[in-house]
N, C-alpha and C. Protein backbone atom coordinates (compact mmCIF):
# COMPACT_ATOMS: atom_id res chain seq x y z
N MET A 1 0.80 -1.19 0.04
CA MET A 1 0.02 -0.04 0.05
C MET A 1 0.87 1.30 0.00
N THR A 2 0.76 2.10 -0.99
CA THR A 2 1.63 3.24 -1.16
C THR A 2 0.83 4.55 -0.76
N LEU A 3 1.59 5.56 -0.40
CA LEU A 3 1.01 6.89 -0.13
C LEU A 3 0.20 7.44 -1.29
N GLY A 4 0.81 7.18 -2.54
CA GLY A 4 0.14 7.64 -3.77
C GLY A 4 -1.25 7.04 -3.91
N LEU A 5 -1.33 5.68 -3.70
CA LEU A 5 -2.63 4.96 -3.79
C LEU A 5 -3.66 5.52 -2.77
N VAL A 6 -3.26 5.73 -1.62
CA VAL A 6 -4.09 6.17 -0.56
C VAL A 6 -4.61 7.62 -0.95
N ALA A 7 -3.67 8.48 -1.41
CA ALA A 7 -4.12 9.85 -1.74
C ALA A 7 -5.07 9.81 -2.93
N ALA A 8 -4.78 8.87 -3.90
CA ALA A 8 -5.77 8.93 -5.09
C ALA A 8 -7.08 8.39 -4.63
N LEU A 9 -7.17 7.37 -3.76
CA LEU A 9 -8.45 6.93 -3.27
C LEU A 9 -9.16 7.91 -2.42
N ALA A 10 -8.44 8.69 -1.67
CA ALA A 10 -9.01 9.79 -0.95
C ALA A 10 -9.65 10.79 -1.81
N GLY A 11 -8.93 11.15 -2.91
CA GLY A 11 -9.55 12.10 -3.88
C GLY A 11 -10.73 11.57 -4.49
N LEU A 12 -10.79 10.32 -4.87
CA LEU A 12 -11.93 9.76 -5.55
C LEU A 12 -13.10 9.69 -4.48
N ALA A 13 -12.79 9.39 -3.28
CA ALA A 13 -13.86 9.38 -2.16
C ALA A 13 -14.53 10.79 -2.09
N LEU A 14 -13.71 11.83 -2.09
CA LEU A 14 -14.12 13.14 -1.95
C LEU A 14 -15.07 13.52 -3.22
N LEU A 15 -14.74 13.02 -4.33
CA LEU A 15 -15.54 13.24 -5.48
C LEU A 15 -16.89 12.55 -5.27
N ASP A 16 -16.84 11.31 -4.77
CA ASP A 16 -18.04 10.56 -4.54
C ASP A 16 -18.96 11.17 -3.46
N SER A 17 -18.26 12.01 -2.59
CA SER A 17 -19.05 12.60 -1.56
C SER A 17 -20.01 13.71 -1.98
N THR A 18 -19.90 14.09 -3.24
CA THR A 18 -20.77 15.19 -3.77
C THR A 18 -21.96 14.67 -4.52
N SER A 19 -22.31 13.35 -4.39
CA SER A 19 -23.44 12.78 -5.04
C SER A 19 -24.75 13.18 -4.33
N ILE A 20 -25.88 12.90 -4.98
CA ILE A 20 -27.20 13.14 -4.31
C ILE A 20 -27.27 12.35 -2.98
N GLY A 21 -26.86 11.09 -3.03
CA GLY A 21 -27.12 10.28 -1.86
C GLY A 21 -26.23 10.59 -0.68
N THR A 22 -24.96 11.00 -0.95
CA THR A 22 -24.02 11.21 0.18
C THR A 22 -23.94 12.67 0.63
N LEU A 23 -24.51 13.64 -0.07
CA LEU A 23 -24.40 15.05 0.29
C LEU A 23 -25.73 15.74 0.30
N PHE A 24 -26.44 15.68 -0.80
CA PHE A 24 -27.54 16.53 -1.02
C PHE A 24 -28.83 16.12 -0.23
N VAL A 25 -29.06 14.82 -0.12
CA VAL A 25 -30.15 14.39 0.70
C VAL A 25 -29.90 14.80 2.17
N PRO A 26 -28.67 14.60 2.70
CA PRO A 26 -28.33 15.06 4.03
C PRO A 26 -28.59 16.60 4.18
N ILE A 27 -28.28 17.37 3.13
CA ILE A 27 -28.52 18.87 3.17
C ILE A 27 -30.00 19.12 3.24
N TRP A 28 -30.84 18.37 2.52
CA TRP A 28 -32.27 18.59 2.55
C TRP A 28 -32.81 18.15 3.89
N LEU A 29 -32.23 17.16 4.52
CA LEU A 29 -32.61 16.82 5.93
C LEU A 29 -32.38 17.98 6.91
N MET A 30 -31.23 18.64 6.66
CA MET A 30 -30.94 19.78 7.56
C MET A 30 -31.82 20.92 7.30
N LEU A 31 -32.37 21.03 6.10
CA LEU A 31 -33.28 22.13 5.78
C LEU A 31 -34.77 21.86 6.06
N THR A 32 -35.09 20.66 6.56
CA THR A 32 -36.43 20.28 6.84
C THR A 32 -36.94 21.15 7.98
N PRO A 33 -38.09 21.70 7.90
CA PRO A 33 -38.67 22.57 8.96
C PRO A 33 -38.80 21.83 10.25
N GLY A 34 -38.60 22.53 11.33
CA GLY A 34 -38.78 21.82 12.70
C GLY A 34 -37.47 21.61 13.34
N ARG A 35 -37.47 20.92 14.42
CA ARG A 35 -36.27 20.61 15.19
C ARG A 35 -35.42 19.61 14.42
N LEU A 36 -34.08 19.86 14.42
CA LEU A 36 -33.18 18.93 13.77
C LEU A 36 -33.07 17.63 14.49
N LYS A 37 -33.30 16.54 13.85
CA LYS A 37 -33.32 15.17 14.46
C LYS A 37 -32.09 14.41 14.08
N LEU A 38 -31.10 14.35 15.00
CA LEU A 38 -29.86 13.67 14.70
C LEU A 38 -30.03 12.22 14.43
N SER A 39 -31.19 11.61 15.05
CA SER A 39 -31.34 10.12 14.83
C SER A 39 -31.64 9.89 13.39
N ARG A 40 -32.27 10.75 12.65
CA ARG A 40 -32.62 10.56 11.24
C ARG A 40 -31.32 10.62 10.41
N PHE A 41 -30.37 11.49 10.78
CA PHE A 41 -29.11 11.48 10.09
C PHE A 41 -28.33 10.19 10.33
N ALA A 42 -28.34 9.69 11.62
CA ALA A 42 -27.61 8.55 11.95
C ALA A 42 -28.18 7.36 11.09
N VAL A 43 -29.43 7.25 10.96
CA VAL A 43 -30.16 6.18 10.22
C VAL A 43 -29.78 6.30 8.71
N TYR A 44 -29.91 7.50 8.18
CA TYR A 44 -29.66 7.73 6.71
C TYR A 44 -28.19 7.45 6.37
N LEU A 45 -27.24 8.18 7.03
CA LEU A 45 -25.80 8.09 6.79
C LEU A 45 -25.30 6.72 7.09
N GLY A 46 -25.78 6.08 8.16
CA GLY A 46 -25.34 4.76 8.46
C GLY A 46 -25.74 3.67 7.41
N THR A 47 -27.03 3.88 6.93
CA THR A 47 -27.51 2.95 5.93
C THR A 47 -26.81 3.03 4.63
N ILE A 48 -26.54 4.24 4.17
CA ILE A 48 -25.85 4.41 2.82
C ILE A 48 -24.47 4.07 2.90
N THR A 49 -23.78 4.29 4.06
CA THR A 49 -22.38 3.88 4.23
C THR A 49 -22.17 2.43 4.16
N ILE A 50 -23.04 1.73 4.99
CA ILE A 50 -23.07 0.26 4.97
C ILE A 50 -23.32 -0.25 3.59
N PHE A 51 -24.33 0.29 2.89
CA PHE A 51 -24.68 -0.19 1.59
C PHE A 51 -23.47 -0.08 0.58
N TYR A 52 -22.82 1.04 0.61
CA TYR A 52 -21.65 1.25 -0.28
C TYR A 52 -20.58 0.28 0.09
N PHE A 53 -20.30 0.11 1.37
CA PHE A 53 -19.23 -0.81 1.80
C PHE A 53 -19.53 -2.26 1.37
N VAL A 54 -20.74 -2.74 1.59
CA VAL A 54 -21.10 -4.12 1.18
C VAL A 54 -21.00 -4.33 -0.29
N VAL A 55 -21.48 -3.31 -1.08
CA VAL A 55 -21.47 -3.38 -2.54
C VAL A 55 -19.94 -3.39 -2.98
N GLY A 56 -19.13 -2.58 -2.29
CA GLY A 56 -17.73 -2.54 -2.59
C GLY A 56 -17.01 -3.88 -2.37
N VAL A 57 -17.36 -4.51 -1.26
CA VAL A 57 -16.79 -5.79 -0.91
C VAL A 57 -17.17 -6.84 -1.97
N LEU A 58 -18.44 -6.86 -2.35
CA LEU A 58 -18.94 -7.85 -3.42
C LEU A 58 -18.19 -7.66 -4.72
N ILE A 59 -18.06 -6.33 -5.10
CA ILE A 59 -17.36 -6.07 -6.33
C ILE A 59 -15.92 -6.43 -6.23
N VAL A 60 -15.28 -6.12 -5.21
CA VAL A 60 -13.77 -6.50 -4.99
C VAL A 60 -13.68 -7.99 -5.11
N LEU A 61 -14.52 -8.79 -4.45
CA LEU A 61 -14.38 -10.19 -4.51
C LEU A 61 -14.48 -10.71 -6.00
N GLY A 62 -15.38 -10.10 -6.76
CA GLY A 62 -15.52 -10.56 -8.13
C GLY A 62 -14.35 -10.10 -8.93
N ALA A 63 -13.93 -8.81 -8.75
CA ALA A 63 -12.79 -8.28 -9.54
C ALA A 63 -11.53 -8.94 -9.26
N SER A 64 -11.29 -9.36 -7.96
CA SER A 64 -10.07 -10.00 -7.61
C SER A 64 -9.94 -11.35 -8.29
N GLN A 65 -11.07 -12.13 -8.46
CA GLN A 65 -11.04 -13.38 -9.11
C GLN A 65 -10.69 -13.16 -10.53
N VAL A 66 -11.21 -12.11 -11.20
CA VAL A 66 -10.89 -11.88 -12.63
C VAL A 66 -9.46 -11.52 -12.77
N ILE A 67 -8.93 -10.57 -11.93
CA ILE A 67 -7.58 -10.11 -11.99
C ILE A 67 -6.58 -11.21 -11.65
N ASP A 68 -6.95 -12.21 -10.77
CA ASP A 68 -6.05 -13.31 -10.48
C ASP A 68 -5.76 -14.17 -11.71
N ARG A 69 -6.72 -14.12 -12.64
CA ARG A 69 -6.63 -14.91 -13.89
C ARG A 69 -5.86 -14.10 -14.98
N LEU A 70 -5.68 -12.80 -14.74
CA LEU A 70 -5.03 -12.01 -15.77
C LEU A 70 -3.51 -11.67 -15.29
N ASP A 71 -2.73 -11.42 -16.34
CA ASP A 71 -1.42 -10.89 -16.01
C ASP A 71 -1.54 -9.50 -15.34
N GLY A 72 -0.63 -9.13 -14.44
CA GLY A 72 -0.69 -7.86 -13.76
C GLY A 72 -0.64 -6.66 -14.78
N GLN A 73 0.10 -6.82 -15.80
CA GLN A 73 0.23 -5.78 -16.81
C GLN A 73 -1.15 -5.61 -17.51
N VAL A 74 -1.74 -6.72 -17.78
CA VAL A 74 -3.10 -6.61 -18.56
C VAL A 74 -4.10 -5.88 -17.66
N ALA A 75 -4.11 -6.18 -16.36
CA ALA A 75 -4.99 -5.56 -15.38
C ALA A 75 -4.81 -4.06 -15.39
N LEU A 76 -3.50 -3.64 -15.35
CA LEU A 76 -3.21 -2.25 -15.32
C LEU A 76 -3.59 -1.49 -16.67
N TRP A 77 -3.42 -2.25 -17.71
CA TRP A 77 -3.84 -1.63 -18.99
C TRP A 77 -5.40 -1.46 -19.03
N GLY A 78 -6.08 -2.45 -18.39
CA GLY A 78 -7.52 -2.38 -18.32
C GLY A 78 -7.88 -1.13 -17.50
N GLN A 79 -7.19 -0.89 -16.34
CA GLN A 79 -7.39 0.28 -15.51
C GLN A 79 -7.17 1.50 -16.25
N LEU A 80 -6.07 1.52 -17.08
CA LEU A 80 -5.76 2.74 -17.85
C LEU A 80 -6.93 3.10 -18.79
N VAL A 81 -7.38 2.07 -19.55
CA VAL A 81 -8.54 2.18 -20.52
C VAL A 81 -9.72 2.72 -19.74
N LEU A 82 -10.07 2.21 -18.52
CA LEU A 82 -11.20 2.61 -17.77
C LEU A 82 -11.07 4.05 -17.44
N GLY A 83 -9.90 4.54 -16.97
CA GLY A 83 -9.70 5.91 -16.71
C GLY A 83 -9.92 6.86 -17.92
N VAL A 84 -9.37 6.44 -19.03
CA VAL A 84 -9.54 7.29 -20.28
C VAL A 84 -11.05 7.35 -20.71
N LEU A 85 -11.74 6.21 -20.60
CA LEU A 85 -13.13 6.21 -20.90
C LEU A 85 -13.96 7.13 -19.96
N LEU A 86 -13.65 7.09 -18.67
CA LEU A 86 -14.32 7.97 -17.72
C LEU A 86 -14.10 9.44 -18.14
N PHE A 87 -12.90 9.79 -18.47
CA PHE A 87 -12.56 11.07 -18.86
C PHE A 87 -13.35 11.49 -20.08
N ALA A 88 -13.47 10.61 -21.05
CA ALA A 88 -14.12 10.87 -22.31
C ALA A 88 -15.63 11.02 -22.09
N VAL A 89 -16.25 10.14 -21.22
CA VAL A 89 -17.67 10.19 -20.95
C VAL A 89 -18.03 11.57 -20.32
N SER A 90 -17.09 12.11 -19.53
CA SER A 90 -17.41 13.32 -18.76
C SER A 90 -17.78 14.51 -19.69
N PHE A 91 -17.43 14.45 -20.98
CA PHE A 91 -17.75 15.54 -21.87
C PHE A 91 -19.22 15.43 -22.44
N ARG A 92 -19.87 14.35 -22.12
CA ARG A 92 -21.21 14.11 -22.64
C ARG A 92 -22.28 14.71 -21.82
N PHE A 93 -21.89 15.16 -20.60
CA PHE A 93 -22.89 15.76 -19.76
C PHE A 93 -23.22 17.20 -20.00
N ASP A 94 -24.57 17.44 -20.14
CA ASP A 94 -25.08 18.77 -20.60
C ASP A 94 -24.98 19.69 -19.33
N SER A 95 -24.23 20.78 -19.54
CA SER A 95 -23.98 21.73 -18.41
C SER A 95 -25.24 22.62 -18.27
N LYS A 96 -26.14 22.60 -19.21
CA LYS A 96 -27.34 23.47 -19.11
C LYS A 96 -28.60 22.75 -18.53
N LYS A 97 -28.37 21.41 -18.34
CA LYS A 97 -29.53 20.63 -17.91
C LYS A 97 -29.69 20.68 -16.45
N LYS A 98 -30.95 20.97 -15.92
CA LYS A 98 -31.22 21.06 -14.50
C LYS A 98 -31.75 19.69 -14.01
N LEU A 99 -31.41 19.36 -12.76
CA LEU A 99 -31.87 18.12 -12.19
C LEU A 99 -33.18 18.40 -11.48
N ASP A 100 -34.09 17.34 -11.50
CA ASP A 100 -35.30 17.37 -10.82
C ASP A 100 -35.06 16.71 -9.38
N THR A 101 -34.92 17.59 -8.41
CA THR A 101 -34.68 17.09 -7.04
C THR A 101 -35.84 17.09 -6.15
N THR A 102 -37.01 17.38 -6.68
CA THR A 102 -38.21 17.42 -5.83
C THR A 102 -38.61 16.06 -5.24
N LYS A 103 -38.44 15.01 -6.01
CA LYS A 103 -38.82 13.65 -5.54
C LYS A 103 -37.92 13.29 -4.40
N TRP A 104 -36.70 13.56 -4.49
CA TRP A 104 -35.71 13.20 -3.43
C TRP A 104 -36.06 13.96 -2.09
N GLN A 105 -36.38 15.20 -2.33
CA GLN A 105 -36.80 15.98 -1.12
C GLN A 105 -38.03 15.48 -0.44
N ASN A 106 -38.95 15.04 -1.20
CA ASN A 106 -40.20 14.49 -0.67
C ASN A 106 -39.89 13.21 0.03
N ARG A 107 -39.14 12.28 -0.54
CA ARG A 107 -38.86 11.06 0.07
C ARG A 107 -37.99 11.22 1.38
N ALA A 108 -37.10 12.27 1.45
CA ALA A 108 -36.30 12.47 2.56
C ALA A 108 -37.18 12.92 3.78
N ASN A 109 -38.37 13.40 3.58
CA ASN A 109 -39.18 13.94 4.65
C ASN A 109 -40.07 12.94 5.24
N GLY A 110 -39.96 11.59 4.83
CA GLY A 110 -40.85 10.55 5.28
C GLY A 110 -40.41 10.04 6.70
N SER A 111 -40.92 8.78 7.04
CA SER A 111 -40.64 8.22 8.32
C SER A 111 -39.16 7.77 8.39
N THR A 112 -38.78 7.32 9.56
CA THR A 112 -37.36 6.86 9.71
C THR A 112 -37.09 5.62 8.85
N ALA A 113 -38.07 4.73 8.88
CA ALA A 113 -38.00 3.46 8.04
C ALA A 113 -37.90 3.89 6.56
N ALA A 114 -38.76 4.83 6.19
CA ALA A 114 -38.75 5.26 4.81
C ALA A 114 -37.43 5.95 4.41
N LEU A 115 -36.83 6.68 5.43
CA LEU A 115 -35.56 7.36 5.21
C LEU A 115 -34.46 6.34 4.94
N ALA A 116 -34.44 5.14 5.66
CA ALA A 116 -33.52 4.18 5.44
C ALA A 116 -33.67 3.57 4.05
N GLY A 117 -34.96 3.49 3.56
CA GLY A 117 -35.26 3.04 2.25
C GLY A 117 -34.74 4.02 1.21
N VAL A 118 -34.82 5.36 1.47
CA VAL A 118 -34.32 6.35 0.60
C VAL A 118 -32.77 6.15 0.42
N ALA A 119 -32.09 5.91 1.52
CA ALA A 119 -30.66 5.69 1.47
C ALA A 119 -30.26 4.51 0.66
N VAL A 120 -31.01 3.39 0.76
CA VAL A 120 -30.72 2.25 -0.17
C VAL A 120 -31.11 2.59 -1.58
N LEU A 121 -32.25 3.26 -1.75
CA LEU A 121 -32.66 3.69 -3.07
C LEU A 121 -31.63 4.57 -3.82
N ALA A 122 -31.13 5.52 -2.97
CA ALA A 122 -30.10 6.36 -3.53
C ALA A 122 -28.89 5.63 -4.00
N GLY A 123 -28.47 4.66 -3.15
CA GLY A 123 -27.35 3.86 -3.45
C GLY A 123 -27.55 3.07 -4.73
N VAL A 124 -28.71 2.37 -4.81
CA VAL A 124 -29.08 1.62 -6.02
C VAL A 124 -29.10 2.51 -7.23
N VAL A 125 -29.75 3.71 -7.21
CA VAL A 125 -29.80 4.56 -8.33
C VAL A 125 -28.39 5.00 -8.77
N GLU A 126 -27.55 5.18 -7.83
CA GLU A 126 -26.26 5.68 -8.19
C GLU A 126 -25.25 4.60 -8.56
N LEU A 127 -25.68 3.30 -8.45
CA LEU A 127 -24.81 2.24 -8.89
C LEU A 127 -24.38 2.36 -10.36
N ALA A 128 -25.29 2.91 -11.17
CA ALA A 128 -25.00 3.11 -12.60
C ALA A 128 -24.00 4.25 -12.80
N THR A 129 -23.90 5.07 -11.89
CA THR A 129 -23.06 6.35 -12.01
C THR A 129 -21.91 6.44 -10.97
N MET A 130 -21.75 5.31 -10.20
CA MET A 130 -20.76 5.32 -9.23
C MET A 130 -19.35 4.95 -9.73
N LEU A 131 -19.00 5.65 -10.85
CA LEU A 131 -17.79 5.36 -11.65
C LEU A 131 -16.60 5.70 -10.84
N PRO A 132 -16.51 6.76 -10.10
CA PRO A 132 -15.33 6.95 -9.21
C PRO A 132 -15.09 5.84 -8.21
N TYR A 133 -16.18 5.29 -7.62
CA TYR A 133 -16.07 4.13 -6.73
C TYR A 133 -15.60 2.93 -7.43
N LEU A 134 -16.21 2.63 -8.65
CA LEU A 134 -15.63 1.54 -9.42
C LEU A 134 -14.21 1.69 -9.86
N GLY A 135 -13.79 2.90 -10.16
CA GLY A 135 -12.44 3.11 -10.43
C GLY A 135 -11.54 2.93 -9.25
N ALA A 136 -11.93 3.36 -8.09
CA ALA A 136 -11.22 3.15 -6.84
C ALA A 136 -11.09 1.62 -6.55
N ILE A 137 -12.19 0.89 -6.74
CA ILE A 137 -12.17 -0.59 -6.55
C ILE A 137 -11.23 -1.24 -7.50
N GLY A 138 -11.24 -0.74 -8.73
CA GLY A 138 -10.26 -1.31 -9.76
C GLY A 138 -8.79 -1.04 -9.36
N MET A 139 -8.53 0.13 -8.70
CA MET A 139 -7.22 0.43 -8.32
C MET A 139 -6.77 -0.47 -7.14
N MET A 140 -7.69 -0.71 -6.19
CA MET A 140 -7.41 -1.60 -5.11
C MET A 140 -7.19 -3.04 -5.55
N SER A 141 -7.97 -3.48 -6.46
CA SER A 141 -7.87 -4.87 -6.86
C SER A 141 -6.58 -5.09 -7.64
N ALA A 142 -6.19 -4.07 -8.47
CA ALA A 142 -5.01 -4.28 -9.33
C ALA A 142 -3.70 -4.14 -8.44
N ALA A 143 -3.77 -3.48 -7.30
CA ALA A 143 -2.62 -3.31 -6.42
C ALA A 143 -2.34 -4.59 -5.66
N ASP A 144 -1.11 -4.80 -5.18
CA ASP A 144 -0.81 -5.98 -4.43
C ASP A 144 -1.16 -5.77 -2.98
N LEU A 145 -2.41 -5.89 -2.60
CA LEU A 145 -2.92 -5.72 -1.32
C LEU A 145 -3.50 -6.93 -0.72
N SER A 146 -3.45 -7.15 0.63
CA SER A 146 -4.11 -8.17 1.32
C SER A 146 -5.57 -7.96 1.47
N THR A 147 -6.39 -9.00 1.84
CA THR A 147 -7.79 -8.80 2.01
C THR A 147 -8.04 -7.81 3.17
N GLY A 148 -7.24 -7.81 4.20
CA GLY A 148 -7.49 -6.89 5.33
C GLY A 148 -7.21 -5.47 4.86
N GLN A 149 -6.15 -5.22 4.04
CA GLN A 149 -5.84 -3.93 3.57
C GLN A 149 -6.91 -3.38 2.70
N ILE A 150 -7.49 -4.23 1.85
CA ILE A 150 -8.67 -3.82 0.92
C ILE A 150 -9.85 -3.44 1.75
N GLY A 151 -10.13 -4.27 2.74
CA GLY A 151 -11.30 -4.01 3.60
C GLY A 151 -11.12 -2.69 4.33
N LEU A 152 -9.92 -2.38 4.81
CA LEU A 152 -9.64 -1.15 5.52
C LEU A 152 -9.79 -0.04 4.62
N LEU A 153 -9.25 -0.15 3.49
CA LEU A 153 -9.37 0.98 2.48
C LEU A 153 -10.79 1.22 2.08
N LEU A 154 -11.60 0.16 1.84
CA LEU A 154 -12.96 0.35 1.51
C LEU A 154 -13.70 1.06 2.67
N ALA A 155 -13.43 0.73 3.90
CA ALA A 155 -14.10 1.33 5.05
C ALA A 155 -13.74 2.75 5.12
N GLY A 156 -12.47 3.04 4.92
CA GLY A 156 -11.99 4.48 4.93
C GLY A 156 -12.56 5.26 3.81
N TYR A 157 -12.72 4.65 2.68
CA TYR A 157 -13.32 5.33 1.38
C TYR A 157 -14.76 5.75 1.75
N CYS A 158 -15.54 4.73 2.31
CA CYS A 158 -16.92 5.04 2.61
C CYS A 158 -17.09 6.12 3.67
N LEU A 159 -16.16 6.17 4.62
CA LEU A 159 -16.24 7.23 5.64
C LEU A 159 -15.85 8.55 5.15
N VAL A 160 -14.93 8.67 4.28
CA VAL A 160 -14.60 9.93 3.58
C VAL A 160 -15.72 10.42 2.74
N MET A 161 -16.44 9.49 2.18
CA MET A 161 -17.58 9.86 1.31
C MET A 161 -18.69 10.62 2.11
N ILE A 162 -18.87 10.33 3.39
CA ILE A 162 -19.90 11.03 4.19
C ILE A 162 -19.29 12.16 5.03
N LEU A 163 -18.01 12.37 4.90
CA LEU A 163 -17.30 13.39 5.80
C LEU A 163 -17.85 14.76 5.58
N PRO A 164 -18.02 15.18 4.24
CA PRO A 164 -18.57 16.58 4.03
C PRO A 164 -19.96 16.78 4.67
N ALA A 165 -20.78 15.73 4.55
CA ALA A 165 -22.12 15.82 5.15
C ALA A 165 -22.05 15.87 6.68
N LEU A 166 -21.12 15.22 7.25
CA LEU A 166 -20.90 15.31 8.72
C LEU A 166 -20.46 16.72 9.17
N LEU A 167 -19.49 17.26 8.33
CA LEU A 167 -19.00 18.57 8.61
C LEU A 167 -20.09 19.62 8.49
N LEU A 168 -20.89 19.48 7.53
CA LEU A 168 -22.04 20.44 7.39
C LEU A 168 -22.99 20.27 8.52
N LEU A 169 -23.24 19.02 8.98
CA LEU A 169 -24.12 18.75 10.04
C LEU A 169 -23.56 19.43 11.36
N GLY A 170 -22.21 19.34 11.51
CA GLY A 170 -21.69 20.01 12.70
C GLY A 170 -21.80 21.53 12.67
N GLY A 171 -21.70 22.06 11.50
CA GLY A 171 -22.02 23.43 11.27
C GLY A 171 -23.43 23.82 11.59
N ARG A 172 -24.30 22.95 11.10
CA ARG A 172 -25.76 23.17 11.36
C ARG A 172 -26.08 23.22 12.83
N ILE A 173 -25.40 22.32 13.61
CA ILE A 173 -25.68 22.22 14.98
C ILE A 173 -25.10 23.43 15.73
N ALA A 174 -23.84 23.80 15.30
CA ALA A 174 -23.12 24.91 15.97
C ALA A 174 -23.76 26.32 15.62
N LEU A 175 -24.13 26.45 14.37
CA LEU A 175 -24.52 27.79 13.89
C LEU A 175 -26.07 27.88 13.80
N ARG A 176 -26.73 26.77 13.82
CA ARG A 176 -28.18 26.74 13.76
C ARG A 176 -28.71 27.46 12.45
N SER A 177 -29.63 28.39 12.70
CA SER A 177 -30.28 28.97 11.50
C SER A 177 -29.30 29.85 10.66
N ARG A 178 -28.23 30.25 11.23
CA ARG A 178 -27.34 31.13 10.48
C ARG A 178 -26.65 30.48 9.32
N ILE A 179 -26.61 29.05 9.34
CA ILE A 179 -26.02 28.39 8.17
C ILE A 179 -27.08 27.99 7.15
N GLU A 180 -28.32 28.09 7.45
CA GLU A 180 -29.41 27.67 6.48
C GLU A 180 -29.30 28.34 5.20
N PRO A 181 -29.11 29.74 5.09
CA PRO A 181 -28.94 30.33 3.76
C PRO A 181 -27.80 29.66 2.99
N PHE A 182 -26.79 29.32 3.59
CA PHE A 182 -25.64 28.65 2.91
C PHE A 182 -26.06 27.32 2.37
N LEU A 183 -26.75 26.51 3.25
CA LEU A 183 -27.21 25.17 2.77
C LEU A 183 -28.24 25.29 1.69
N THR A 184 -29.04 26.32 1.74
CA THR A 184 -30.04 26.53 0.67
C THR A 184 -29.37 26.84 -0.69
N LYS A 185 -28.31 27.69 -0.63
CA LYS A 185 -27.58 28.03 -1.83
C LYS A 185 -26.89 26.79 -2.41
N ILE A 186 -26.35 25.84 -1.53
CA ILE A 186 -25.76 24.67 -2.06
C ILE A 186 -26.86 23.80 -2.81
N SER A 187 -28.01 23.64 -2.09
CA SER A 187 -29.10 22.91 -2.68
C SER A 187 -29.57 23.38 -4.05
N THR A 188 -29.72 24.69 -4.05
CA THR A 188 -30.18 25.33 -5.30
C THR A 188 -29.20 25.18 -6.44
N TRP A 189 -27.91 25.42 -6.06
CA TRP A 189 -26.75 25.32 -7.02
C TRP A 189 -26.70 23.88 -7.60
N PHE A 190 -26.89 22.88 -6.80
CA PHE A 190 -26.83 21.58 -7.23
C PHE A 190 -27.92 21.17 -8.21
N ALA A 191 -29.16 21.72 -7.91
CA ALA A 191 -30.33 21.47 -8.83
C ALA A 191 -29.98 22.11 -10.20
N GLU A 192 -29.32 23.23 -10.19
CA GLU A 192 -29.07 23.96 -11.46
C GLU A 192 -27.77 23.43 -12.15
N LYS A 193 -26.81 23.02 -11.45
CA LYS A 193 -25.47 22.67 -12.03
C LYS A 193 -25.13 21.17 -11.80
N GLY A 194 -26.07 20.35 -11.33
CA GLY A 194 -25.81 19.01 -10.98
C GLY A 194 -25.22 18.23 -12.12
N ALA A 195 -25.87 18.41 -13.41
CA ALA A 195 -25.32 17.63 -14.55
C ALA A 195 -23.85 17.98 -14.85
N SER A 196 -23.62 19.26 -14.87
CA SER A 196 -22.32 19.70 -15.16
C SER A 196 -21.34 19.22 -14.14
N THR A 197 -21.69 19.21 -12.88
CA THR A 197 -20.85 18.75 -11.77
C THR A 197 -20.52 17.34 -11.94
N THR A 198 -21.47 16.52 -12.33
CA THR A 198 -21.28 15.12 -12.58
C THR A 198 -20.23 14.89 -13.64
N GLY A 199 -20.30 15.70 -14.67
CA GLY A 199 -19.26 15.62 -15.78
C GLY A 199 -17.86 15.96 -15.20
N TRP A 200 -17.72 16.99 -14.38
CA TRP A 200 -16.43 17.28 -13.82
C TRP A 200 -15.95 16.12 -12.96
N ILE A 201 -16.86 15.56 -12.12
CA ILE A 201 -16.46 14.49 -11.21
C ILE A 201 -15.96 13.35 -12.01
N LEU A 202 -16.60 12.93 -13.11
CA LEU A 202 -16.22 11.83 -13.90
C LEU A 202 -14.86 12.11 -14.59
N GLY A 203 -14.63 13.39 -15.04
CA GLY A 203 -13.40 13.73 -15.62
C GLY A 203 -12.22 13.66 -14.67
N ILE A 204 -12.44 14.19 -13.53
CA ILE A 204 -11.32 14.12 -12.56
C ILE A 204 -11.10 12.69 -12.13
N ALA A 205 -12.21 11.87 -11.86
CA ALA A 205 -11.98 10.50 -11.49
C ALA A 205 -11.28 9.76 -12.57
N GLY A 206 -11.59 9.96 -13.86
CA GLY A 206 -10.89 9.34 -14.91
C GLY A 206 -9.46 9.66 -14.95
N PHE A 207 -9.03 10.85 -14.67
CA PHE A 207 -7.71 11.34 -14.67
C PHE A 207 -6.95 10.59 -13.55
N LEU A 208 -7.49 10.53 -12.38
CA LEU A 208 -6.87 9.87 -11.17
C LEU A 208 -6.67 8.32 -11.48
N VAL A 209 -7.65 7.72 -12.05
CA VAL A 209 -7.60 6.21 -12.26
C VAL A 209 -6.53 5.96 -13.37
N ALA A 210 -6.56 6.77 -14.43
CA ALA A 210 -5.59 6.57 -15.50
C ALA A 210 -4.21 6.93 -15.07
N ARG A 211 -4.04 7.95 -14.34
CA ARG A 211 -2.70 8.38 -13.80
C ARG A 211 -2.12 7.29 -12.99
N ASP A 212 -2.88 6.70 -12.13
CA ASP A 212 -2.40 5.65 -11.20
C ASP A 212 -1.88 4.43 -12.11
N ALA A 213 -2.68 4.04 -13.07
CA ALA A 213 -2.27 2.86 -13.97
C ALA A 213 -1.03 3.29 -14.73
N PHE A 214 -1.01 4.52 -15.25
CA PHE A 214 0.12 4.94 -16.10
C PHE A 214 1.48 4.90 -15.35
N VAL A 215 1.41 5.47 -14.07
CA VAL A 215 2.61 5.50 -13.22
C VAL A 215 3.07 4.08 -12.93
N ARG A 216 2.16 3.17 -12.62
CA ARG A 216 2.58 1.77 -12.27
C ARG A 216 3.00 1.03 -13.49
N LEU A 217 2.49 1.36 -14.67
CA LEU A 217 2.92 0.73 -15.88
C LEU A 217 4.36 1.10 -16.34
N PHE A 218 4.69 2.44 -16.25
CA PHE A 218 5.91 2.92 -16.87
C PHE A 218 6.94 3.49 -15.85
N PHE A 219 6.64 3.62 -14.68
CA PHE A 219 7.52 4.27 -13.67
C PHE A 219 7.81 3.42 -12.46
N VAL A 220 7.20 2.25 -12.29
CA VAL A 220 7.43 1.39 -11.15
C VAL A 220 8.11 0.07 -11.54
């Protein structure tokens, strides 16, 4: 496990932290009228964190079996191609397209059980677009890591994914209503710029994944 790998994974995790499920549903929970209920945040963030971790473990187990049958160089070339494809796909996102966030806001205002369901639903919906996470898993699988190290990295990745939401929650508790205008601006900005942001996220993720493979192919 190298410092460069850990830094790249941390960067990808921070990119993943800006998705609807990991950041913007928590923000909408903070903007819900009435008293702030920390138990709802614990249920939501705990559910989506566990969901991502379990999915990551399942994907790693499958990816490791495939990579074990491939030459290490072939696996790295595959990672390089994945990174380039992510970067190329990022240009297909329409920067003028607005996201419909109303349905997510309505679901987030339901019961505690429904909120846990929203967390799982957000994770399932994002499976098709969790390309930074898939890139990170590919990097872990291609590296010479033990099962324990991969598990530790996956857990750390998932915790970093919810870190911005936890920091904003801390600000909401400490500053109360004074931070609400800021949270509202973030929510509005995401609705207007969400598609463009997704493109940037995929582009940066593609660069990080491709860079890691390129360095290990030609400089290690």
